[in-house]
């Protein structure tokens, strides 16, 4: 028999049990107890309530987990609007995981456990008066198919991009895989940046001016109407709270910050998680491309088999060797 336990505070969740499932299921860093703790401490994503579920087998051993949050409004990136029939962005929804995670799963070591967790989440959502229960940023596969079979409406809502690193051992291996025009640009930008004395640093998050970094990230996101996705103040606190989970790449010209990227390595993947760059720059190179190349270099050096390149910016990422992974929403209206 499978039982579930519902927690409303990550501090009450047994970290050893939670992370045991994360490790065994190969779930990404977004599911780590430390990541969720940093998220909860800093309120980086507005939520009315956190919901954390652990499924256990008849021996009491943990076999599945799921973090979720009760949200209203519930579509900060505009990814669900006009895609889910009857959905209003201001509706109250219980969503898994959260919008900072672009690879939502139901981490489990037993195939029956995910649907038991879904049943529990439905009960919680109904009790909380939510209009929707949903999973966002889910890739195609058995779990998405199981949600469809359970009555969820499935729609494609976004995209993320990945690069298989298993046959890439050096940055030259990576560059040789690109089309000649992209390869020439990257090499030219590197050369010009070196001529101007541009500094590339790999830093611990504690050694970064987070106000400066988040200002640049927000300015970059504002180009796409998403500056408030990185809430000024809470996002700095969140980055600081992540501590050793996050690594930083900083690119500067004299005393000016040109680009900054925050990366999240986990067991199997190196995540190019979030970044910002100066676009109107007077030098003959692209700070963003220089940052991107350095993040790829770090991913290759880490020895991990997969680079996760984040969401959107399809033209650029495909031109630089990443492949598209469609993301889906699985939503069910309640009541």
C-alpha atoms as a PDB file:
ATOM      1  CA  UNK A   1       0.000   0.000   0.000  1.00  0.00           C
ATOM      2  CA  UNK A   2       1.223   3.499  -0.882  1.00  0.00           C
ATOM      3  CA  UNK A   3       0.598   6.318   1.594  1.00  0.00           C
ATOM      4  CA  UNK A   4       1.250  10.034   1.238  1.00  0.00           C
ATOM      5  CA  UNK A   5       2.298  12.745   3.664  1.00  0.00           C
ATOM      6  CA  UNK A   6       1.571  16.412   2.964  1.00  0.00           C
ATOM      7  CA  UNK A   7       3.836  19.154   4.334  1.00  0.00           C
ATOM      8  CA  UNK A   8       3.313  22.919   4.179  1.00  0.00           C
ATOM      9  CA  UNK A   9       6.867  23.913   5.085  1.00  0.00           C
ATOM     10  CA  UNK A  10      10.054  22.493   3.583  1.00  0.00           C
ATOM     11  CA  UNK A  11      11.667  22.854   7.012  1.00  0.00           C
ATOM     12  CA  UNK A  12       9.370  20.067   8.224  1.00  0.00           C
ATOM     13  CA  UNK A  13      10.272  17.724   5.356  1.00  0.00           C
ATOM     14  CA  UNK A  14      12.924  15.088   6.196  1.00  0.00           C
ATOM     15  CA  UNK A  15      15.825  16.169   3.987  1.00  0.00           C
ATOM     16  CA  UNK A  16      17.402  12.699   3.861  1.00  0.00           C
ATOM     17  CA  UNK A  17      14.187  11.043   2.668  1.00  0.00           C
ATOM     18  CA  UNK A  18      13.447  13.779   0.133  1.00  0.00           C
ATOM     19  CA  UNK A  19      16.930  13.859  -1.394  1.00  0.00           C
ATOM     20  CA  UNK A  20      17.113  10.057  -1.478  1.00  0.00           C
ATOM     21  CA  UNK A  21      14.248  10.073  -3.997  1.00  0.00           C
ATOM     22  CA  UNK A  22      15.808  12.980  -5.903  1.00  0.00           C
ATOM     23  CA  UNK A  23      19.050  11.041  -6.260  1.00  0.00           C
ATOM     24  CA  UNK A  24      17.504   7.678  -7.119  1.00  0.00           C
ATOM     25  CA  UNK A  25      15.083   9.201  -9.631  1.00  0.00           C
ATOM     26  CA  UNK A  26      17.761  11.390 -11.227  1.00  0.00           C
ATOM     27  CA  UNK A  27      15.671  14.518 -10.695  1.00  0.00           C
ATOM     28  CA  UNK A  28      17.243  17.896 -11.516  1.00  0.00           C
ATOM     29  CA  UNK A  29      18.697  20.326  -9.002  1.00  0.00           C
ATOM     30  CA  UNK A  30      15.359  22.167  -8.756  1.00  0.00           C
ATOM     31  CA  UNK A  31      14.078  19.281  -6.623  1.00  0.00           C
ATOM     32  CA  UNK A  32      16.893  19.282  -4.082  1.00  0.00           C
ATOM     33  CA  UNK A  33      15.858  19.975  -0.511  1.00  0.00           C
ATOM     34  CA  UNK A  34      18.434  22.786  -0.314  1.00  0.00           C
ATOM     35  CA  UNK A  35      17.039  24.449  -3.444  1.00  0.00           C
ATOM     36  CA  UNK A  36      13.467  24.304  -2.143  1.00  0.00           C
ATOM     37  CA  UNK A  37      14.612  25.596   1.230  1.00  0.00           C
ATOM     38  CA  UNK A  38      16.264  28.616  -0.412  1.00  0.00           C
ATOM     39  CA  UNK A  39      13.109  29.220  -2.405  1.00  0.00           C
ATOM     40  CA  UNK A  40      10.903  29.077   0.686  1.00  0.00           C
ATOM     41  CA  UNK A  41      13.154  31.341   2.779  1.00  0.00           C
ATOM     42  CA  UNK A  42      13.238  34.094   0.199  1.00  0.00           C
ATOM     43  CA  UNK A  43       9.768  34.014  -1.385  1.00  0.00           C
ATOM     44  CA  UNK A  44      11.430  34.358  -4.786  1.00  0.00           C
ATOM     45  CA  UNK A  45       8.197  33.227  -6.471  1.00  0.00           C
ATOM     46  CA  UNK A  46       5.017  34.685  -4.982  1.00  0.00           C
ATOM     47  CA  UNK A  47       2.814  31.880  -3.690  1.00  0.00           C
ATOM     48  CA  UNK A  48      -0.096  31.669  -1.297  1.00  0.00           C
ATOM     49  CA  UNK A  49       1.057  28.337   0.081  1.00  0.00           C
ATOM     50  CA  UNK A  50       3.660  25.643  -0.452  1.00  0.00           C
ATOM     51  CA  UNK A  51       2.614  22.001  -0.715  1.00  0.00           C
ATOM     52  CA  UNK A  52       5.167  19.195  -0.499  1.00  0.00           C
ATOM     53  CA  UNK A  53       4.164  15.555  -0.826  1.00  0.00           C
ATOM     54  CA  UNK A  54       6.113  12.392  -0.045  1.00  0.00           C
ATOM     55  CA  UNK A  55       4.790   8.971  -1.032  1.00  0.00           C
ATOM     56  CA  UNK A  56       5.951   5.956   0.975  1.00  0.00           C
ATOM     57  CA  UNK A  57       5.604   2.236   0.459  1.00  0.00           C
ATOM     58  CA  UNK A  58       4.215  -0.247   2.973  1.00  0.00           C
ATOM     59  CA  UNK A  59       7.577  -0.334   4.755  1.00  0.00           C
ATOM     60  CA  UNK A  60       7.566   3.437   5.174  1.00  0.00           C
ATOM     61  CA  UNK A  61      10.378   3.994   2.702  1.00  0.00           C
ATOM     62  CA  UNK A  62      10.082   7.126   0.479  1.00  0.00           C
ATOM     63  CA  UNK A  63       9.346   6.263  -3.153  1.00  0.00           C
ATOM     64  CA  UNK A  64       8.142   9.546  -4.695  1.00  0.00           C
ATOM     65  CA  UNK A  65       8.084  13.286  -4.021  1.00  0.00           C
ATOM     66  CA  UNK A  66       6.397  16.361  -5.412  1.00  0.00           C
ATOM     67  CA  UNK A  67       6.728  20.067  -4.595  1.00  0.00           C
ATOM     68  CA  UNK A  68       3.843  22.341  -5.588  1.00  0.00           C
ATOM     69  CA  UNK A  69       2.600  25.833  -4.852  1.00  0.00           C
ATOM     70  CA  UNK A  70      -0.782  27.488  -4.628  1.00  0.00           C
ATOM     71  CA  UNK A  71      -0.668  30.557  -6.874  1.00  0.00           C
ATOM     72  CA  UNK A  72      -2.920  33.460  -7.858  1.00  0.00           C
ATOM     73  CA  UNK A  73      -2.092  34.913 -10.352  1.00  0.00           C
ATOM     74  CA  UNK A  74      -0.614  31.762 -11.764  1.00  0.00           C
ATOM     75  CA  UNK A  75       0.996  32.579 -15.134  1.00  0.00           C
ATOM     76  CA  UNK A  76       3.923  35.020 -14.653  1.00  0.00           C
ATOM     77  CA  UNK A  77       5.520  34.241 -18.027  1.00  0.00           C
ATOM     78  CA  UNK A  78       2.301  34.247 -20.026  1.00  0.00           C
ATOM     79  CA  UNK A  79       2.944  30.656 -21.076  1.00  0.00           C
ATOM     80  CA  UNK A  80      -0.598  29.365 -20.421  1.00  0.00           C
ATOM     81  CA  UNK A  81      -2.653  32.293 -21.678  1.00  0.00           C
ATOM     82  CA  UNK A  82      -4.491  31.442 -24.922  1.00  0.00           C
ATOM     83  CA  UNK A  83      -3.279  27.844 -24.737  1.00  0.00           C
ATOM     84  CA  UNK A  84      -5.464  26.288 -22.048  1.00  0.00           C
ATOM     85  CA  UNK A  85      -9.189  26.461 -22.732  1.00  0.00           C
ATOM     86  CA  UNK A  86     -11.079  28.367 -20.036  1.00  0.00           C
ATOM     87  CA  UNK A  87      -7.936  29.361 -18.160  1.00  0.00           C
ATOM     88  CA  UNK A  88      -7.606  32.872 -16.731  1.00  0.00           C
ATOM     89  CA  UNK A  89      -4.105  33.970 -15.573  1.00  0.00           C
ATOM     90  CA  UNK A  90      -5.672  35.330 -12.389  1.00  0.00           C
ATOM     91  CA  UNK A  91      -7.271  32.001 -11.491  1.00  0.00           C
ATOM     92  CA  UNK A  92      -6.107  30.300  -8.322  1.00  0.00           C
ATOM     93  CA  UNK A  93      -4.108  27.203  -9.239  1.00  0.00           C
ATOM     94  CA  UNK A  94      -2.097  24.518  -7.495  1.00  0.00           C
ATOM     95  CA  UNK A  95       0.901  24.086  -9.785  1.00  0.00           C
ATOM     96  CA  UNK A  96       3.924  21.822  -9.738  1.00  0.00           C
ATOM     97  CA  UNK A  97       6.812  22.569  -9.458  1.00  0.00           C
ATOM     98  CA  UNK A  98       7.232  26.343  -9.794  1.00  0.00           C
ATOM     99  CA  UNK A  99       7.991  28.635 -12.707  1.00  0.00           C
ATOM    100  CA  UNK A 100      11.732  28.782 -11.984  1.00  0.00           C
ATOM    101  CA  UNK A 101      11.897  25.058 -12.858  1.00  0.00           C
ATOM    102  CA  UNK A 102      11.802  24.301 -16.595  1.00  0.00           C
ATOM    103  CA  UNK A 103      11.881  20.509 -16.217  1.00  0.00           C
ATOM    104  CA  UNK A 104       8.923  19.431 -14.118  1.00  0.00           C
ATOM    105  CA  UNK A 105       8.678  15.768 -13.121  1.00  0.00           C
ATOM    106  CA  UNK A 106       7.099  13.482 -10.582  1.00  0.00           C
ATOM    107  CA  UNK A 107      10.315  11.952  -9.198  1.00  0.00           C
ATOM    108  CA  UNK A 108       9.600   8.366  -8.229  1.00  0.00           C
ATOM    109  CA  UNK A 109      11.235   4.980  -7.819  1.00  0.00           C
ATOM    110  CA  UNK A 110       7.953   3.048  -8.035  1.00  0.00           C
ATOM    111  CA  UNK A 111       5.721   3.361 -11.099  1.00  0.00           C
ATOM    112  CA  UNK A 112       2.416   3.516  -9.179  1.00  0.00           C
ATOM    113  CA  UNK A 113       3.502   6.303  -6.840  1.00  0.00           C
ATOM    114  CA  UNK A 114       3.145   9.359  -9.144  1.00  0.00           C
ATOM    115  CA  UNK A 115      -0.582   8.901  -9.663  1.00  0.00           C
ATOM    116  CA  UNK A 116      -1.041   8.449  -5.915  1.00  0.00           C
ATOM    117  CA  UNK A 117       0.650  11.818  -5.457  1.00  0.00           C
ATOM    118  CA  UNK A 118      -1.566  13.367  -8.153  1.00  0.00           C
ATOM    119  CA  UNK A 119      -4.619  12.112  -6.276  1.00  0.00           C
ATOM    120  CA  UNK A 120      -3.312  13.721  -3.090  1.00  0.00           C
ATOM    121  CA  UNK A 121      -2.609  17.024  -4.859  1.00  0.00           C
ATOM    122  CA  UNK A 122      -6.138  17.051  -6.265  1.00  0.00           C
ATOM    123  CA  UNK A 123      -7.539  16.653  -2.747  1.00  0.00           C
ATOM    124  CA  UNK A 124      -5.346  19.494  -1.476  1.00  0.00           C
ATOM    125  CA  UNK A 125      -6.316  21.738  -4.387  1.00  0.00           C
ATOM    126  CA  UNK A 126     -10.031  21.156  -3.872  1.00  0.00           C
ATOM    127  CA  UNK A 127      -9.730  21.790  -0.139  1.00  0.00           C
ATOM    128  CA  UNK A 128      -7.846  25.048  -0.867  1.00  0.00           C
ATOM    129  CA  UNK A 129     -10.521  26.239  -3.277  1.00  0.00           C
ATOM    130  CA  UNK A 130      -8.227  26.221  -6.319  1.00  0.00           C
ATOM    131  CA  UNK A 131      -9.771  26.427  -9.774  1.00  0.00           C
ATOM    132  CA  UNK A 132      -6.996  24.409 -11.402  1.00  0.00           C
ATOM    133  CA  UNK A 133      -4.514  21.652 -10.696  1.00  0.00           C
ATOM    134  CA  UNK A 134      -1.641  21.571 -13.103  1.00  0.00           C
ATOM    135  CA  UNK A 135       1.871  20.557 -14.058  1.00  0.00           C
ATOM    136  CA  UNK A 136       3.818  23.052 -16.182  1.00  0.00           C
ATOM    137  CA  UNK A 137       7.069  22.669 -18.133  1.00  0.00           C
ATOM    138  CA  UNK A 138       6.705  18.902 -18.597  1.00  0.00           C
ATOM    139  CA  UNK A 139       8.484  17.068 -21.436  1.00  0.00           C
ATOM    140  CA  UNK A 140       6.816  14.344 -23.477  1.00  0.00           C
ATOM    141  CA  UNK A 141       7.077  10.877 -21.993  1.00  0.00           C
ATOM    142  CA  UNK A 142       5.331   8.283 -19.825  1.00  0.00           C
ATOM    143  CA  UNK A 143       4.492  10.693 -16.989  1.00  0.00           C
ATOM    144  CA  UNK A 144       2.860  13.207 -19.330  1.00  0.00           C
ATOM    145  CA  UNK A 145       0.914  10.380 -20.980  1.00  0.00           C
ATOM    146  CA  UNK A 146      -0.207   9.155 -17.548  1.00  0.00           C
ATOM    147  CA  UNK A 147      -1.487  12.652 -16.689  1.00  0.00           C
ATOM    148  CA  UNK A 148      -3.457  12.722 -19.942  1.00  0.00           C
ATOM    149  CA  UNK A 149      -4.935   9.306 -19.092  1.00  0.00           C
ATOM    150  CA  UNK A 150      -5.894  10.684 -15.671  1.00  0.00           C
ATOM    151  CA  UNK A 151      -8.032  13.392 -17.263  1.00  0.00           C
ATOM    152  CA  UNK A 152      -5.582  16.281 -17.593  1.00  0.00           C
ATOM    153  CA  UNK A 153      -5.695  18.432 -20.719  1.00  0.00           C
ATOM    154  CA  UNK A 154      -2.235  18.501 -22.290  1.00  0.00           C
ATOM    155  CA  UNK A 155      -1.019  21.415 -24.433  1.00  0.00           C
ATOM    156  CA  UNK A 156       2.389  22.506 -25.673  1.00  0.00           C
ATOM    157  CA  UNK A 157       3.251  25.725 -23.856  1.00  0.00           C
ATOM    158  CA  UNK A 158       6.965  26.522 -24.157  1.00  0.00           C
ATOM    159  CA  UNK A 159      10.378  25.120 -25.065  1.00  0.00           C
ATOM    160  CA  UNK A 160      13.800  24.566 -23.594  1.00  0.00           C
ATOM    161  CA  UNK A 161      17.136  23.693 -25.206  1.00  0.00           C
ATOM    162  CA  UNK A 162      19.799  21.063 -24.516  1.00  0.00           C
ATOM    163  CA  UNK A 163      23.201  19.953 -25.767  1.00  0.00           C
ATOM    164  CA  UNK A 164      24.535  16.400 -25.484  1.00  0.00           C
ATOM    165  CA  UNK A 165      28.120  16.668 -24.209  1.00  0.00           C
ATOM    166  CA  UNK A 166      29.065  12.999 -24.197  1.00  0.00           C
ATOM    167  CA  UNK A 167      31.261  13.312 -27.304  1.00  0.00           C
ATOM    168  CA  UNK A 168      32.446  16.850 -26.528  1.00  0.00           C
ATOM    169  CA  UNK A 169      35.628  16.836 -24.443  1.00  0.00           C
ATOM    170  CA  UNK A 170      37.059  20.287 -25.160  1.00  0.00           C
ATOM    171  CA  UNK A 171      35.709  23.662 -26.213  1.00  0.00           C
ATOM    172  CA  UNK A 172      37.310  23.038 -29.633  1.00  0.00           C
ATOM    173  CA  UNK A 173      35.192  19.888 -29.993  1.00  0.00           C
ATOM    174  CA  UNK A 174      32.140  22.072 -29.400  1.00  0.00           C
ATOM    175  CA  UNK A 175      33.205  24.785 -31.847  1.00  0.00           C
ATOM    176  CA  UNK A 176      33.928  22.242 -34.573  1.00  0.00           C
ATOM    177  CA  UNK A 177      30.301  21.086 -34.408  1.00  0.00           C
ATOM    178  CA  UNK A 178      28.966  24.528 -35.258  1.00  0.00           C
ATOM    179  CA  UNK A 179      28.316  25.955 -38.678  1.00  0.00           C
ATOM    180  CA  UNK A 180      31.308  27.866 -39.951  1.00  0.00           C
ATOM    181  CA  UNK A 181      29.656  31.297 -39.560  1.00  0.00           C
ATOM    182  CA  UNK A 182      28.805  30.713 -35.881  1.00  0.00           C
ATOM    183  CA  UNK A 183      32.262  29.271 -35.211  1.00  0.00           C
ATOM    184  CA  UNK A 184      33.985  32.275 -36.843  1.00  0.00           C
ATOM    185  CA  UNK A 185      31.869  34.725 -34.862  1.00  0.00           C
ATOM    186  CA  UNK A 186      32.677  33.076 -31.561  1.00  0.00           C
ATOM    187  CA  UNK A 187      36.389  33.039 -32.270  1.00  0.00           C
ATOM    188  CA  UNK A 188      36.345  36.648 -33.469  1.00  0.00           C
ATOM    189  CA  UNK A 189      34.453  37.778 -30.368  1.00  0.00           C
ATOM    190  CA  UNK A 190      36.944  35.981 -28.139  1.00  0.00           C
ATOM    191  CA  UNK A 191      39.868  37.640 -29.878  1.00  0.00           C
ATOM    192  CA  UNK A 192      38.377  41.125 -29.734  1.00  0.00           C
ATOM    193  CA  UNK A 193      37.413  40.737 -26.076  1.00  0.00           C
ATOM    194  CA  UNK A 194      40.986  39.716 -25.232  1.00  0.00           C
ATOM    195  CA  UNK A 195      42.321  42.731 -27.149  1.00  0.00           C
ATOM    196  CA  UNK A 196      40.132  45.051 -25.055  1.00  0.00           C
ATOM    197  CA  UNK A 197      41.226  43.437 -21.786  1.00  0.00           C
ATOM    198  CA  UNK A 198      37.817  41.988 -20.971  1.00  0.00           C
ATOM    199  CA  UNK A 199      37.933  39.911 -17.792  1.00  0.00           C
ATOM    200  CA  UNK A 200      36.142  36.556 -17.504  1.00  0.00           C
ATOM    201  CA  UNK A 201      35.753  35.261 -13.958  1.00  0.00           C
ATOM    202  CA  UNK A 202      34.268  32.125 -12.424  1.00  0.00           C
ATOM    203  CA  UNK A 203      33.116  33.062  -8.935  1.00  0.00           C
ATOM    204  CA  UNK A 204      31.250  31.744  -5.936  1.00  0.00           C
ATOM    205  CA  UNK A 205      27.938  33.516  -5.504  1.00  0.00           C
ATOM    206  CA  UNK A 206      29.145  35.046  -2.228  1.00  0.00           C
ATOM    207  CA  UNK A 207      31.819  36.943  -4.181  1.00  0.00           C
ATOM    208  CA  UNK A 208      29.378  38.577  -6.606  1.00  0.00           C
ATOM    209  CA  UNK A 209      27.690  41.975  -6.334  1.00  0.00           C
ATOM    210  CA  UNK A 210      24.181  40.552  -6.538  1.00  0.00           C
ATOM    211  CA  UNK A 211      22.443  43.919  -6.821  1.00  0.00           C
ATOM    212  CA  UNK A 212      24.538  44.713  -9.888  1.00  0.00           C
ATOM    213  CA  UNK A 213      23.994  41.255 -11.351  1.00  0.00           C
ATOM    214  CA  UNK A 214      20.224  41.188 -10.839  1.00  0.00           C
ATOM    215  CA  UNK A 215      19.864  44.692 -12.293  1.00  0.00           C
ATOM    216  CA  UNK A 216      21.483  43.421 -15.500  1.00  0.00           C
ATOM    217  CA  UNK A 217      19.354  40.265 -15.495  1.00  0.00           C
ATOM    218  CA  UNK A 218      16.184  42.328 -15.024  1.00  0.00           C
ATOM    219  CA  UNK A 219      17.206  44.724 -17.801  1.00  0.00           C
ATOM    220  CA  UNK A 220      17.750  41.760 -20.116  1.00  0.00           C
ATOM    221  CA  UNK A 221      14.413  40.166 -19.183  1.00  0.00           C
ATOM    222  CA  UNK A 222      12.663  43.501 -19.721  1.00  0.00           C
ATOM    223  CA  UNK A 223      13.429  43.156 -23.438  1.00  0.00           C
ATOM    224  CA  UNK A 224      10.926  40.306 -23.378  1.00  0.00           C
ATOM    225  CA  UNK A 225       8.484  41.880 -20.923  1.00  0.00           C
ATOM    226  CA  UNK A 226       9.561  39.596 -18.061  1.00  0.00           C
ATOM    227  CA  UNK A 227      11.633  41.779 -15.718  1.00  0.00           C
ATOM    228  CA  UNK A 228       9.354  41.087 -12.751  1.00  0.00           C
ATOM    229  CA  UNK A 229      10.028  37.373 -13.049  1.00  0.00           C
ATOM    230  CA  UNK A 230      13.254  38.289 -11.237  1.00  0.00           C
ATOM    231  CA  UNK A 231      11.902  40.235  -8.284  1.00  0.00           C
ATOM    232  CA  UNK A 232      14.340  42.884  -7.145  1.00  0.00           C
ATOM    233  CA  UNK A 233      15.384  41.993  -3.605  1.00  0.00           C
ATOM    234  CA  UNK A 234      13.934  38.485  -3.277  1.00  0.00           C
ATOM    235  CA  UNK A 235      15.939  37.217  -6.260  1.00  0.00           C
ATOM    236  CA  UNK A 236      19.218  38.461  -4.757  1.00  0.00           C
ATOM    237  CA  UNK A 237      18.270  36.769  -1.482  1.00  0.00           C
ATOM    238  CA  UNK A 238      17.454  33.573  -3.362  1.00  0.00           C
ATOM    239  CA  UNK A 239      20.795  33.516  -5.186  1.00  0.00           C
ATOM    240  CA  UNK A 240      22.637  34.113  -1.921  1.00  0.00           C
ATOM    241  CA  UNK A 241      20.653  31.350  -0.181  1.00  0.00           C
ATOM    242  CA  UNK A 242      21.499  28.844  -2.926  1.00  0.00           C
ATOM    243  CA  UNK A 243      25.129  29.037  -1.819  1.00  0.00           C
ATOM    244  CA  UNK A 244      27.237  26.221  -3.233  1.00  0.00           C
ATOM    245  CA  UNK A 245      24.413  24.968  -5.472  1.00  0.00           C
ATOM    246  CA  UNK A 246      25.074  27.831  -7.894  1.00  0.00           C
ATOM    247  CA  UNK A 247      28.181  28.952  -9.772  1.00  0.00           C
ATOM    248  CA  UNK A 248      28.690  32.360 -11.365  1.00  0.00           C
ATOM    249  CA  UNK A 249      30.367  33.581 -14.534  1.00  0.00           C
ATOM    250  CA  UNK A 250      31.100  37.312 -14.603  1.00  0.00           C
ATOM    251  CA  UNK A 251      32.372  39.238 -17.635  1.00  0.00           C
ATOM    252  CA  UNK A 252      33.537  42.821 -17.214  1.00  0.00           C
ATOM    253  CA  UNK A 253      35.366  45.599 -19.044  1.00  0.00           C
ATOM    254  CA  UNK A 254      37.306  47.731 -16.556  1.00  0.00           C
ATOM    255  CA  UNK A 255      34.712  48.426 -13.853  1.00  0.00           C
ATOM    256  CA  UNK A 256      31.657  47.780 -16.023  1.00  0.00           C
ATOM    257  CA  UNK A 257      29.655  44.573 -15.831  1.00  0.00           C
ATOM    258  CA  UNK A 258      29.028  43.318 -19.365  1.00  0.00           C
ATOM    259  CA  UNK A 259      27.440  39.944 -18.692  1.00  0.00           C
ATOM    260  CA  UNK A 260      26.668  37.611 -15.815  1.00  0.00           C
ATOM    261  CA  UNK A 261      25.390  34.048 -15.734  1.00  0.00           C
ATOM    262  CA  UNK A 262      24.290  31.813 -12.898  1.00  0.00           C
ATOM    263  CA  UNK A 263      24.674  28.072 -13.478  1.00  0.00           C
ATOM    264  CA  UNK A 264      23.297  25.113 -11.537  1.00  0.00           C
ATOM    265  CA  UNK A 265      25.262  21.859 -11.808  1.00  0.00           C
ATOM    266  CA  UNK A 266      23.496  18.702 -10.650  1.00  0.00           C
ATOM    267  CA  UNK A 267      24.293  14.998 -10.855  1.00  0.00           C
ATOM    268  CA  UNK A 268      23.926  14.609 -14.613  1.00  0.00           C
ATOM    269  CA  UNK A 269      23.470  18.085 -16.057  1.00  0.00           C
ATOM    270  CA  UNK A 270      24.946  21.550 -16.151  1.00  0.00           C
ATOM    271  CA  UNK A 271      22.175  24.154 -16.224  1.00  0.00           C
ATOM    272  CA  UNK A 272      22.702  27.542 -17.886  1.00  0.00           C
ATOM    273  CA  UNK A 273      20.011  28.763 -15.585  1.00  0.00           C
ATOM    274  CA  UNK A 274      19.721  32.532 -15.846  1.00  0.00           C
ATOM    275  CA  UNK A 275      21.795  35.364 -17.224  1.00  0.00           C
ATOM    276  CA  UNK A 276      21.955  38.983 -18.294  1.00  0.00           C
ATOM    277  CA  UNK A 277      24.074  40.899 -20.785  1.00  0.00           C
ATOM    278  CA  UNK A 278      24.626  44.387 -22.146  1.00  0.00           C
ATOM    279  CA  UNK A 279      23.205  44.497 -25.668  1.00  0.00           C
ATOM    280  CA  UNK A 280      23.989  48.093 -26.623  1.00  0.00           C
ATOM    281  CA  UNK A 281      27.759  47.874 -26.359  1.00  0.00           C
ATOM    282  CA  UNK A 282      30.340  49.899 -28.281  1.00  0.00           C
ATOM    283  CA  UNK A 283      32.877  47.126 -28.755  1.00  0.00           C
ATOM    284  CA  UNK A 284      32.865  44.850 -31.784  1.00  0.00           C
ATOM    285  CA  UNK A 285      31.861  41.743 -29.908  1.00  0.00           C
ATOM    286  CA  UNK A 286      28.767  40.371 -28.182  1.00  0.00           C
ATOM    287  CA  UNK A 287      28.957  40.105 -24.370  1.00  0.00           C
ATOM    288  CA  UNK A 288      26.116  37.577 -24.471  1.00  0.00           C
ATOM    289  CA  UNK A 289      27.967  35.317 -26.910  1.00  0.00           C
ATOM    290  CA  UNK A 290      31.142  35.572 -24.857  1.00  0.00           C
ATOM    291  CA  UNK A 291      29.125  34.588 -21.764  1.00  0.00           C
ATOM    292  CA  UNK A 292      27.434  31.726 -23.599  1.00  0.00           C
ATOM    293  CA  UNK A 293      30.773  30.338 -24.765  1.00  0.00           C
ATOM    294  CA  UNK A 294      32.222  30.511 -21.256  1.00  0.00           C
ATOM    295  CA  UNK A 295      29.170  28.723 -19.833  1.00  0.00           C
ATOM    296  CA  UNK A 296      29.614  25.956 -22.427  1.00  0.00           C
ATOM    297  CA  UNK A 297      33.292  25.765 -21.482  1.00  0.00           C
ATOM    298  CA  UNK A 298      32.336  25.345 -17.820  1.00  0.00           C
ATOM    299  CA  UNK A 299      29.784  22.670 -18.684  1.00  0.00           C
ATOM    300  CA  UNK A 300      32.337  20.685 -20.688  1.00  0.00           C
ATOM    301  CA  UNK A 301      34.943  21.031 -17.918  1.00  0.00           C
ATOM    302  CA  UNK A 302      32.432  19.760 -15.352  1.00  0.00           C
ATOM    303  CA  UNK A 303      32.333  16.365 -17.073  1.00  0.00           C
ATOM    304  CA  UNK A 304      28.544  16.199 -17.010  1.00  0.00           C
ATOM    305  CA  UNK A 305      26.896  14.519 -20.015  1.00  0.00           C
ATOM    306  CA  UNK A 306      24.210  17.128 -20.706  1.00  0.00           C
ATOM    307  CA  UNK A 307      24.037  20.904 -20.895  1.00  0.00           C
ATOM    308  CA  UNK A 308      20.650  22.483 -20.198  1.00  0.00           C
ATOM    309  CA  UNK A 309      20.365  25.799 -22.010  1.00  0.00           C
ATOM    310  CA  UNK A 310      17.149  27.128 -20.503  1.00  0.00           C
ATOM    311  CA  UNK A 311      14.002  28.342 -22.203  1.00  0.00           C
ATOM    312  CA  UNK A 312      13.312  30.302 -25.400  1.00  0.00           C
ATOM    313  CA  UNK A 313      15.705  32.275 -27.657  1.00  0.00           C
ATOM    314  CA  UNK A 314      15.321  29.469 -30.169  1.00  0.00           C
ATOM    315  CA  UNK A 315      17.126  30.971 -33.161  1.00  0.00           C
ATOM    316  CA  UNK A 316      20.296  31.716 -31.208  1.00  0.00           C
ATOM    317  CA  UNK A 317      20.416  28.420 -29.361  1.00  0.00           C
ATOM    318  CA  UNK A 318      19.802  26.232 -32.386  1.00  0.00           C
ATOM    319  CA  UNK A 319      22.441  28.194 -34.328  1.00  0.00           C
ATOM    320  CA  UNK A 320      24.863  27.337 -31.538  1.00  0.00           C
ATOM    321  CA  UNK A 321      24.218  23.620 -31.474  1.00  0.00           C
ATOM    322  CA  UNK A 322      21.431  23.122 -28.925  1.00  0.00           C
ATOM    323  CA  UNK A 323      18.314  21.121 -29.750  1.00  0.00           C
ATOM    324  CA  UNK A 324      14.739  22.045 -28.918  1.00  0.00           C
ATOM    325  CA  UNK A 325      12.707  20.180 -26.284  1.00  0.00           C
ATOM    326  CA  UNK A 326       8.981  21.057 -26.292  1.00  0.00           C
ATOM    327  CA  UNK A 327       7.443  21.750 -22.882  1.00  0.00           C
ATOM    328  CA  UNK A 328       3.835  20.968 -22.041  1.00  0.00           C
ATOM    329  CA  UNK A 329       1.232  21.914 -19.499  1.00  0.00           C
ATOM    330  CA  UNK A 330      -1.079  19.273 -18.065  1.00  0.00           C
ATOM    331  CA  UNK A 331      -4.043  21.071 -16.522  1.00  0.00           C
ATOM    332  CA  UNK A 332      -7.355  19.982 -15.071  1.00  0.00           C
ATOM    333  CA  UNK A 333     -10.164  22.319 -14.045  1.00  0.00           C
ATOM    334  CA  UNK A 334     -11.628  21.641 -10.624  1.00  0.00           C
ATOM    335  CA  UNK A 335     -15.210  22.055  -9.449  1.00  0.00           C
END
